[in-house]
PDB file of N, CA and C in Angstrom:
ATOM      1  N   MET A   1     -93.277  49.966 -45.646  1.00  0.00           N
ATOM      2  CA  MET A   1     -94.472  50.053 -44.853  1.00  0.00           C
ATOM      3  C   MET A   1     -94.987  48.617 -44.581  1.00  0.00           C
ATOM      4  N   SER A   2     -95.486  48.476 -43.413  1.00  0.00           N
ATOM      5  CA  SER A   2     -96.017  47.154 -43.028  1.00  0.00           C
ATOM      6  C   SER A   2     -97.454  47.077 -43.407  1.00  0.00           C
ATOM      7  N   SER A   3     -97.996  45.891 -43.596  1.00  0.00           N
ATOM      8  CA  SER A   3     -99.402  45.743 -44.033  1.00  0.00           C
ATOM      9  C   SER A   3    -100.267  45.914 -42.763  1.00  0.00           C
ATOM     10  N   PRO A   4    -101.458  46.305 -42.945  1.00  0.00           N
ATOM     11  CA  PRO A   4    -102.367  46.480 -41.784  1.00  0.00           C
ATOM     12  C   PRO A   4    -102.639  45.116 -41.179  1.00  0.00           C
ATOM     13  N   PRO A   5    -102.928  45.137 -39.839  1.00  0.00           N
ATOM     14  CA  PRO A   5    -103.186  43.813 -39.198  1.00  0.00           C
ATOM     15  C   PRO A   5    -104.446  43.199 -39.756  1.00  0.00           C
ATOM     16  N   SER A   6    -104.382  41.893 -39.853  1.00  0.00           N
ATOM     17  CA  SER A   6    -105.517  41.149 -40.444  1.00  0.00           C
ATOM     18  C   SER A   6    -106.597  41.012 -39.348  1.00  0.00           C
ATOM     19  N   TYR A   7    -107.836  40.989 -39.738  1.00  0.00           N
ATOM     20  CA  TYR A   7    -108.973  40.842 -38.853  1.00  0.00           C
ATOM     21  C   TYR A   7    -109.382  39.358 -38.841  1.00  0.00           C
ATOM     22  N   ASP A   8    -109.249  38.738 -37.718  1.00  0.00           N
ATOM     23  CA  ASP A   8    -109.620  37.328 -37.607  1.00  0.00           C
ATOM     24  C   ASP A   8    -110.724  37.231 -36.557  1.00  0.00           C
ATOM     25  N   PRO A   9    -111.939  37.017 -36.994  1.00  0.00           N
ATOM     26  CA  PRO A   9    -113.121  36.941 -36.063  1.00  0.00           C
ATOM     27  C   PRO A   9    -112.919  35.836 -35.033  1.00  0.00           C
ATOM     28  N   GLU A  10    -112.349  34.732 -35.383  1.00  0.00           N
ATOM     29  CA  GLU A  10    -112.133  33.629 -34.377  1.00  0.00           C
ATOM     30  C   GLU A  10    -111.226  34.076 -33.328  1.00  0.00           C
ATOM     31  N   GLU A  11    -110.123  34.815 -33.678  1.00  0.00           N
ATOM     32  CA  GLU A  11    -109.175  35.297 -32.696  1.00  0.00           C
ATOM     33  C   GLU A  11    -109.828  36.303 -31.768  1.00  0.00           C
ATOM     34  N   LEU A  12    -110.661  37.198 -32.356  1.00  0.00           N
ATOM     35  CA  LEU A  12    -111.400  38.163 -31.587  1.00  0.00           C
ATOM     36  C   LEU A  12    -112.305  37.467 -30.601  1.00  0.00           C
ATOM     37  N   GLU A  13    -113.022  36.418 -31.047  1.00  0.00           N
ATOM     38  CA  GLU A  13    -113.878  35.743 -30.143  1.00  0.00           C
ATOM     39  C   GLU A  13    -113.119  35.048 -28.975  1.00  0.00           C
ATOM     40  N   THR A  14    -111.995  34.449 -29.298  1.00  0.00           N
ATOM     41  CA  THR A  14    -111.148  33.845 -28.288  1.00  0.00           C
ATOM     42  C   THR A  14    -110.698  34.901 -27.251  1.00  0.00           C
ATOM     43  N   ASP A  15    -110.282  35.999 -27.729  1.00  0.00           N
ATOM     44  CA  ASP A  15    -109.815  37.089 -26.811  1.00  0.00           C
ATOM     45  C   ASP A  15    -110.992  37.537 -25.972  1.00  0.00           C
ATOM     46  N   ARG A  16    -112.134  37.698 -26.550  1.00  0.00           N
ATOM     47  CA  ARG A  16    -113.349  38.143 -25.820  1.00  0.00           C
ATOM     48  C   ARG A  16    -113.701  37.146 -24.738  1.00  0.00           C
ATOM     49  N   GLU A  17    -113.682  35.878 -25.107  1.00  0.00           N
ATOM     50  CA  GLU A  17    -114.007  34.832 -24.137  1.00  0.00           C
ATOM     51  C   GLU A  17    -112.995  34.813 -22.946  1.00  0.00           C
ATOM     52  N   GLU A  18    -111.747  35.048 -23.295  1.00  0.00           N
ATOM     53  CA  GLU A  18    -110.708  35.078 -22.230  1.00  0.00           C
ATOM     54  C   GLU A  18    -110.918  36.280 -21.335  1.00  0.00           C
ATOM     55  N   VAL A  19    -111.257  37.385 -21.914  1.00  0.00           N
ATOM     56  CA  VAL A  19    -111.511  38.586 -21.053  1.00  0.00           C
ATOM     57  C   VAL A  19    -112.742  38.407 -20.221  1.00  0.00           C
ATOM     58  N   LEU A  20    -113.785  37.834 -20.777  1.00  0.00           N
ATOM     59  CA  LEU A  20    -115.027  37.599 -20.013  1.00  0.00           C
ATOM     60  C   LEU A  20    -114.750  36.644 -18.888  1.00  0.00           C
ATOM     61  N   SER A  21    -113.891  35.612 -19.096  1.00  0.00           N
ATOM     62  CA  SER A  21    -113.504  34.686 -18.050  1.00  0.00           C
ATOM     63  C   SER A  21    -112.706  35.439 -16.917  1.00  0.00           C
ATOM     64  N   ILE A  22    -111.798  36.257 -17.314  1.00  0.00           N
ATOM     65  CA  ILE A  22    -110.998  36.992 -16.303  1.00  0.00           C
ATOM     66  C   ILE A  22    -111.977  37.937 -15.480  1.00  0.00           C
ATOM     67  N   LEU A  23    -112.896  38.630 -16.165  1.00  0.00           N
ATOM     68  CA  LEU A  23    -113.781  39.500 -15.478  1.00  0.00           C
ATOM     69  C   LEU A  23    -114.693  38.718 -14.522  1.00  0.00           C
ATOM     70  N   LYS A  24    -115.187  37.568 -15.012  1.00  0.00           N
ATOM     71  CA  LYS A  24    -116.038  36.758 -14.148  1.00  0.00           C
ATOM     72  C   LYS A  24    -115.344  36.269 -12.906  1.00  0.00           C
ATOM     73  N   ASP A  25    -114.086  35.851 -13.044  1.00  0.00           N
ATOM     74  CA  ASP A  25    -113.312  35.468 -11.860  1.00  0.00           C
ATOM     75  C   ASP A  25    -113.108  36.612 -10.887  1.00  0.00           C
ATOM     76  N   ALA A  26    -112.774  37.799 -11.485  1.00  0.00           N
ATOM     77  CA  ALA A  26    -112.544  38.975 -10.603  1.00  0.00           C
ATOM     78  C   ALA A  26    -113.820  39.372  -9.896  1.00  0.00           C
ATOM     79  N   ILE A  27    -114.958  39.271 -10.582  1.00  0.00           N
ATOM     80  CA  ILE A  27    -116.271  39.618  -9.973  1.00  0.00           C
ATOM     81  C   ILE A  27    -116.527  38.692  -8.759  1.00  0.00           C
ATOM     82  N   HIS A  28    -116.255  37.401  -8.964  1.00  0.00           N
ATOM     83  CA  HIS A  28    -116.510  36.440  -7.900  1.00  0.00           C
ATOM     84  C   HIS A  28    -115.541  36.708  -6.661  1.00  0.00           C
ATOM     85  N   ASP A  29    -114.285  37.059  -7.005  1.00  0.00           N
ATOM     86  CA  ASP A  29    -113.309  37.331  -5.957  1.00  0.00           C
ATOM     87  C   ASP A  29    -113.717  38.545  -5.164  1.00  0.00           C
ATOM     88  N   VAL A  30    -114.100  39.626  -5.842  1.00  0.00           N
ATOM     89  CA  VAL A  30    -114.487  40.843  -5.148  1.00  0.00           C
ATOM     90  C   VAL A  30    -115.779  40.627  -4.332  1.00  0.00           C
ATOM     91  N   ARG A  31    -116.720  39.897  -4.932  1.00  0.00           N
ATOM     92  CA  ARG A  31    -117.932  39.636  -4.198  1.00  0.00           C
ATOM     93  C   ARG A  31    -117.644  38.837  -2.939  1.00  0.00           C
ATOM     94  N   ASP A  32    -116.699  37.823  -3.003  1.00  0.00           N
ATOM     95  CA  ASP A  32    -116.390  37.065  -1.853  1.00  0.00           C
ATOM     96  C   ASP A  32    -115.720  37.987  -0.775  1.00  0.00           C
ATOM     97  N   ARG A  33    -114.911  38.910  -1.179  1.00  0.00           N
ATOM     98  CA  ARG A  33    -114.234  39.812  -0.275  1.00  0.00           C
ATOM     99  C   ARG A  33    -115.268  40.701   0.490  1.00  0.00           C
ATOM    100  N   THR A  34    -116.310  41.147  -0.246  1.00  0.00           N
ATOM    101  CA  THR A  34    -117.319  42.014   0.370  1.00  0.00           C
ATOM    102  C   THR A  34    -118.234  41.193   1.332  1.00  0.00           C
ATOM    103  N   GLU A  35    -118.400  39.929   1.037  1.00  0.00           N
ATOM    104  CA  GLU A  35    -119.267  39.120   1.915  1.00  0.00           C
ATOM    105  C   GLU A  35    -118.568  38.704   3.221  1.00  0.00           C
ATOM    106  N   GLU A  36    -117.231  38.592   3.177  1.00  0.00           N
ATOM    107  CA  GLU A  36    -116.516  38.141   4.323  1.00  0.00           C
ATOM    108  C   GLU A  36    -115.983  39.336   5.209  1.00  0.00           C
ATOM    109  N   ARG A  37    -116.143  40.496   4.745  1.00  0.00           N
ATOM    110  CA  ARG A  37    -115.588  41.663   5.448  1.00  0.00           C
ATOM    111  C   ARG A  37    -116.490  42.065   6.624  1.00  0.00           C
ATOM    112  N   GLU A  38    -115.834  42.235   7.780  1.00  0.00           N
ATOM    113  CA  GLU A  38    -116.539  42.764   8.961  1.00  0.00           C
ATOM    114  C   GLU A  38    -116.269  44.250   9.087  1.00  0.00           C
ATOM    115  N   ILE A  39    -117.252  44.971   9.345  1.00  0.00           N
ATOM    116  CA  ILE A  39    -117.165  46.444   9.498  1.00  0.00           C
ATOM    117  C   ILE A  39    -117.040  46.807  10.989  1.00  0.00           C
ATOM    118  N   GLU A  40    -115.841  47.227  11.367  1.00  0.00           N
ATOM    119  CA  GLU A  40    -115.615  47.539  12.800  1.00  0.00           C
ATOM    120  C   GLU A  40    -115.230  49.005  12.932  1.00  0.00           C
ATOM    121  N   THR A  41    -114.662  49.563  11.923  1.00  0.00           N
ATOM    122  CA  THR A  41    -114.175  50.959  12.004  1.00  0.00           C
ATOM    123  C   THR A  41    -114.661  51.705  10.723  1.00  0.00           C
ATOM    124  N   PRO A  42    -114.534  53.056  10.757  1.00  0.00           N
ATOM    125  CA  PRO A  42    -114.830  53.832   9.585  1.00  0.00           C
ATOM    126  C   PRO A  42    -113.930  53.480   8.392  1.00  0.00           C
ATOM    127  N   ASP A  43    -112.666  53.145   8.701  1.00  0.00           N
ATOM    128  CA  ASP A  43    -111.795  52.715   7.597  1.00  0.00           C
ATOM    129  C   ASP A  43    -112.276  51.432   6.956  1.00  0.00           C
ATOM    130  N   ASP A  44    -112.821  50.518   7.703  1.00  0.00           N
ATOM    131  CA  ASP A  44    -113.312  49.300   7.159  1.00  0.00           C
ATOM    132  C   ASP A  44    -114.510  49.612   6.274  1.00  0.00           C
ATOM    133  N   GLU A  45    -115.376  50.544   6.667  1.00  0.00           N
ATOM    134  CA  GLU A  45    -116.519  50.907   5.906  1.00  0.00           C
ATOM    135  C   GLU A  45    -116.089  51.572   4.560  1.00  0.00           C
ATOM    136  N   ARG A  46    -115.082  52.458   4.643  1.00  0.00           N
ATOM    137  CA  ARG A  46    -114.573  53.059   3.399  1.00  0.00           C
ATOM    138  C   ARG A  46    -113.991  52.007   2.442  1.00  0.00           C
ATOM    139  N   MET A  47    -113.290  51.086   2.994  1.00  0.00           N
ATOM    140  CA  MET A  47    -112.711  50.034   2.150  1.00  0.00           C
ATOM    141  C   MET A  47    -113.810  49.151   1.506  1.00  0.00           C
ATOM    142  N   LEU A  48    -114.865  48.877   2.261  1.00  0.00           N
ATOM    143  CA  LEU A  48    -115.970  48.104   1.753  1.00  0.00           C
ATOM    144  C   LEU A  48    -116.673  48.896   0.592  1.00  0.00           C
ATOM    145  N   ILE A  49    -116.797  50.186   0.802  1.00  0.00           N
ATOM    146  CA  ILE A  49    -117.366  51.020  -0.310  1.00  0.00           C
ATOM    147  C   ILE A  49    -116.483  50.971  -1.581  1.00  0.00           C
ATOM    148  N   LYS A  50    -115.185  50.979  -1.375  1.00  0.00           N
ATOM    149  CA  LYS A  50    -114.297  50.861  -2.484  1.00  0.00           C
ATOM    150  C   LYS A  50    -114.429  49.486  -3.235  1.00  0.00           C
ATOM    151  N   TRP A  51    -114.587  48.458  -2.452  1.00  0.00           N
ATOM    152  CA  TRP A  51    -114.794  47.110  -3.040  1.00  0.00           C
ATOM    153  C   TRP A  51    -116.107  47.072  -3.852  1.00  0.00           C
ATOM    154  N   TYR A  52    -117.135  47.696  -3.267  1.00  0.00           N
ATOM    155  CA  TYR A  52    -118.449  47.703  -4.008  1.00  0.00           C
ATOM    156  C   TYR A  52    -118.312  48.569  -5.322  1.00  0.00           C
ATOM    157  N   ARG A  53    -117.541  49.591  -5.263  1.00  0.00           N
ATOM    158  CA  ARG A  53    -117.324  50.334  -6.515  1.00  0.00           C
ATOM    159  C   ARG A  53    -116.597  49.510  -7.553  1.00  0.00           C
ATOM    160  N   THR A  54    -115.576  48.755  -7.074  1.00  0.00           N
ATOM    161  CA  THR A  54    -114.827  47.910  -7.963  1.00  0.00           C
ATOM    162  C   THR A  54    -115.735  46.873  -8.522  1.00  0.00           C
ATOM    163  N   LEU A  55    -116.569  46.307  -7.714  1.00  0.00           N
ATOM    164  CA  LEU A  55    -117.547  45.279  -8.168  1.00  0.00           C
ATOM    165  C   LEU A  55    -118.489  45.865  -9.238  1.00  0.00           C
ATOM    166  N   ALA A  56    -118.937  47.081  -9.012  1.00  0.00           N
ATOM    167  CA  ALA A  56    -119.839  47.690  -9.997  1.00  0.00           C
ATOM    168  C   ALA A  56    -119.095  47.957 -11.297  1.00  0.00           C
ATOM    169  N   THR A  57    -117.893  48.384 -11.269  1.00  0.00           N
ATOM    170  CA  THR A  57    -117.086  48.624 -12.451  1.00  0.00           C
ATOM    171  C   THR A  57    -116.855  47.338 -13.209  1.00  0.00           C
ATOM    172  N   LEU A  58    -116.441  46.298 -12.497  1.00  0.00           N
ATOM    173  CA  LEU A  58    -116.185  45.008 -13.208  1.00  0.00           C
ATOM    174  C   LEU A  58    -117.476  44.453 -13.832  1.00  0.00           C
ATOM    175  N   SER A  59    -118.570  44.561 -13.093  1.00  0.00           N
ATOM    176  CA  SER A  59    -119.841  44.056 -13.584  1.00  0.00           C
ATOM    177  C   SER A  59    -120.299  44.825 -14.810  1.00  0.00           C
ATOM    178  N   GLY A  60    -120.044  46.140 -14.832  1.00  0.00           N
ATOM    179  CA  GLY A  60    -120.423  46.922 -16.015  1.00  0.00           C
ATOM    180  C   GLY A  60    -119.558  46.584 -17.199  1.00  0.00           C
ATOM    181  N   GLN A  61    -118.326  46.351 -17.012  1.00  0.00           N
ATOM    182  CA  GLN A  61    -117.421  45.924 -18.101  1.00  0.00           C
ATOM    183  C   GLN A  61    -117.831  44.583 -18.662  1.00  0.00           C
ATOM    184  N   TYR A  62    -118.155  43.665 -17.753  1.00  0.00           N
ATOM    185  CA  TYR A  62    -118.618  42.333 -18.169  1.00  0.00           C
ATOM    186  C   TYR A  62    -119.914  42.441 -19.001  1.00  0.00           C
ATOM    187  N   ARG A  63    -120.805  43.246 -18.533  1.00  0.00           N
ATOM    188  CA  ARG A  63    -122.128  43.398 -19.252  1.00  0.00           C
ATOM    189  C   ARG A  63    -121.925  44.012 -20.641  1.00  0.00           C
ATOM    190  N   MET A  64    -121.061  44.983 -20.693  1.00  0.00           N
ATOM    191  CA  MET A  64    -120.787  45.633 -22.025  1.00  0.00           C
ATOM    192  C   MET A  64    -120.131  44.668 -23.025  1.00  0.00           C
ATOM    193  N   LEU A  65    -119.165  43.911 -22.514  1.00  0.00           N
ATOM    194  CA  LEU A  65    -118.492  42.953 -23.384  1.00  0.00           C
ATOM    195  C   LEU A  65    -119.452  41.875 -23.833  1.00  0.00           C
ATOM    196  N   GLN A  66    -120.310  41.444 -22.925  1.00  0.00           N
ATOM    197  CA  GLN A  66    -121.286  40.385 -23.281  1.00  0.00           C
ATOM    198  C   GLN A  66    -122.249  40.937 -24.256  1.00  0.00           C
ATOM    199  N   ARG A  67    -122.692  42.191 -24.114  1.00  0.00           N
ATOM    200  CA  ARG A  67    -123.625  42.829 -25.059  1.00  0.00           C
ATOM    201  C   ARG A  67    -122.944  42.895 -26.447  1.00  0.00           C
ATOM    202  N   ASP A  68    -121.668  43.240 -26.468  1.00  0.00           N
ATOM    203  CA  ASP A  68    -120.946  43.287 -27.767  1.00  0.00           C
ATOM    204  C   ASP A  68    -120.928  41.937 -28.416  1.00  0.00           C
ATOM    205  N   THR A  69    -120.820  40.859 -27.621  1.00  0.00           N
ATOM    206  CA  THR A  69    -120.842  39.463 -28.138  1.00  0.00           C
ATOM    207  C   THR A  69    -122.217  39.188 -28.729  1.00  0.00           C
ATOM    208  N   ASP A  70    -123.231  39.584 -28.046  1.00  0.00           N
ATOM    209  CA  ASP A  70    -124.615  39.414 -28.517  1.00  0.00           C
ATOM    210  C   ASP A  70    -124.821  40.149 -29.824  1.00  0.00           C
ATOM    211  N   ILE A  71    -124.335  41.378 -29.931  1.00  0.00           N
ATOM    212  CA  ILE A  71    -124.512  42.169 -31.174  1.00  0.00           C
ATOM    213  C   ILE A  71    -123.809  41.519 -32.304  1.00  0.00           C
ATOM    214  N   ASP A  72    -122.583  41.056 -32.068  1.00  0.00           N
ATOM    215  CA  ASP A  72    -121.842  40.365 -33.121  1.00  0.00           C
ATOM    216  C   ASP A  72    -122.558  39.102 -33.661  1.00  0.00           C
ATOM    217  N   GLU A  73    -123.157  38.380 -32.703  1.00  0.00           N
ATOM    218  CA  GLU A  73    -123.941  37.189 -33.123  1.00  0.00           C
ATOM    219  C   GLU A  73    -125.190  37.601 -33.950  1.00  0.00           C
ATOM    220  N   MET A  74    -125.870  38.631 -33.502  1.00  0.00           N
ATOM    221  CA  MET A  74    -126.998  39.070 -34.308  1.00  0.00           C
ATOM    222  C   MET A  74    -126.601  39.581 -35.672  1.00  0.00           C
ATOM    223  N   GLU A  75    -125.505  40.261 -35.773  1.00  0.00           N
ATOM    224  CA  GLU A  75    -125.020  40.728 -37.071  1.00  0.00           C
ATOM    225  C   GLU A  75    -124.714  39.526 -38.029  1.00  0.00           C
ATOM    226  N   ALA A  76    -124.105  38.523 -37.472  1.00  0.00           N
ATOM    227  CA  ALA A  76    -123.841  37.283 -38.230  1.00  0.00           C
ATOM    228  C   ALA A  76    -125.101  36.632 -38.749  1.00  0.00           C
ATOM    229  N   GLU A  77    -126.105  36.547 -37.844  1.00  0.00           N
ATOM    230  CA  GLU A  77    -127.360  35.908 -38.187  1.00  0.00           C
ATOM    231  C   GLU A  77    -128.063  36.798 -39.294  1.00  0.00           C
ATOM    232  N   LEU A  78    -127.993  38.116 -39.155  1.00  0.00           N
ATOM    233  CA  LEU A  78    -128.610  39.029 -40.126  1.00  0.00           C
ATOM    234  C   LEU A  78    -127.948  38.845 -41.456  1.00  0.00           C
ATOM    235  N   GLU A  79    -126.612  38.681 -41.480  1.00  0.00           N
ATOM    236  CA  GLU A  79    -125.899  38.520 -42.698  1.00  0.00           C
ATOM    237  C   GLU A  79    -126.303  37.246 -43.435  1.00  0.00           C
ATOM    238  N   LEU A  80    -126.524  36.164 -42.608  1.00  0.00           N
ATOM    239  CA  LEU A  80    -126.966  34.879 -43.223  1.00  0.00           C
ATOM    240  C   LEU A  80    -128.332  35.026 -43.781  1.00  0.00           C
ATOM    241  N   LEU A  81    -129.208  35.719 -43.098  1.00  0.00           N
ATOM    242  CA  LEU A  81    -130.576  35.955 -43.561  1.00  0.00           C
ATOM    243  C   LEU A  81    -130.540  36.726 -44.870  1.00  0.00           C
ATOM    244  N   GLN A  82    -129.707  37.759 -44.933  1.00  0.00           N
ATOM    245  CA  GLN A  82    -129.598  38.592 -46.138  1.00  0.00           C
ATOM    246  C   GLN A  82    -129.066  37.746 -47.351  1.00  0.00           C
ATOM    247  N   GLN A  83    -128.107  36.874 -47.090  1.00  0.00           N
ATOM    248  CA  GLN A  83    -127.587  36.004 -48.115  1.00  0.00           C
ATOM    249  C   GLN A  83    -128.657  35.120 -48.565  1.00  0.00           C
ATOM    250  N   ALA A  84    -129.428  34.502 -47.701  1.00  0.00           N
ATOM    251  CA  ALA A  84    -130.538  33.607 -48.041  1.00  0.00           C
ATOM    252  C   ALA A  84    -131.590  34.338 -48.865  1.00  0.00           C
ATOM    253  N   SER A  85    -131.878  35.551 -48.449  1.00  0.00           N
ATOM    254  CA  SER A  85    -132.823  36.389 -49.183  1.00  0.00           C
ATOM    255  C   SER A  85    -132.332  36.701 -50.631  1.00  0.00           C
ATOM    256  N   ASP A  86    -131.041  36.974 -50.733  1.00  0.00           N
ATOM    257  CA  ASP A  86    -130.411  37.288 -52.038  1.00  0.00           C
ATOM    258  C   ASP A  86    -130.480  36.093 -52.970  1.00  0.00           C
ATOM    259  N   LEU A  87    -130.209  34.884 -52.401  1.00  0.00           N
ATOM    260  CA  LEU A  87    -130.240  33.677 -53.144  1.00  0.00           C
ATOM    261  C   LEU A  87    -131.678  33.350 -53.644  1.00  0.00           C
ATOM    262  N   GLU A  88    -132.634  33.626 -52.760  1.00  0.00           N
ATOM    263  CA  GLU A  88    -134.039  33.331 -53.139  1.00  0.00           C
ATOM    264  C   GLU A  88    -134.445  34.340 -54.247  1.00  0.00           C
ATOM    265  N   GLU A  89    -134.018  35.534 -54.165  1.00  0.00           N
ATOM    266  CA  GLU A  89    -134.353  36.519 -55.186  1.00  0.00           C
ATOM    267  C   GLU A  89    -133.732  36.141 -56.530  1.00  0.00           C
ATOM    268  N   GLU A  90    -132.453  35.629 -56.534  1.00  0.00           N
ATOM    269  CA  GLU A  90    -131.834  35.235 -57.720  1.00  0.00           C
ATOM    270  C   GLU A  90    -132.559  34.044 -58.348  1.00  0.00           C
ATOM    271  N   GLY A  91    -133.084  33.170 -57.534  1.00  0.00           N
ATOM    272  CA  GLY A  91    -133.881  31.993 -57.954  1.00  0.00           C
ATOM    273  C   GLY A  91    -135.127  32.349 -58.655  1.00  0.00           C
ATOM    274  N   ARG A  92    -135.694  33.475 -58.323  1.00  0.00           N
ATOM    275  CA  ARG A  92    -136.924  33.910 -58.908  1.00  0.00           C
ATOM    276  C   ARG A  92    -136.758  34.500 -60.302  1.00  0.00           C
ATOM    277  N   ARG A  93    -135.542  34.921 -60.579  1.00  0.00           N
ATOM    278  CA  ARG A  93    -135.279  35.616 -61.881  1.00  0.00           C
ATOM    279  C   ARG A  93    -135.176  34.661 -63.003  1.00  0.00           C
TER     280      ARG A  93
END
C-alpha cells in the first residue's frame, strides 16, 4: 500500500495562486471579447450571451477561490491567537 499524499500548505497556496492567475487572465480575455463584439445578427447576440455566461462563471469561480484563500488566512490567524492565549494561560499557572 502506498502512503497517503502529504499535505503541504505552501504547495496548496502556490496552486491556488496559479489558478487565480489563470482565471484572472481568462476573465480579462472574455471581457475584451464582449466589449469588441458588434451585434449585427441574432447569432451574434446569442454568441454574446454565451460569452457573458462564461464571464459570469469565471468570475464566480474566481470569487469562490479568493474567498477560500481569505478563510484559510483567517484560520491561520485564529490558530496563532489560540496559541498565544494558551501560552498566556500557562504563564499564569
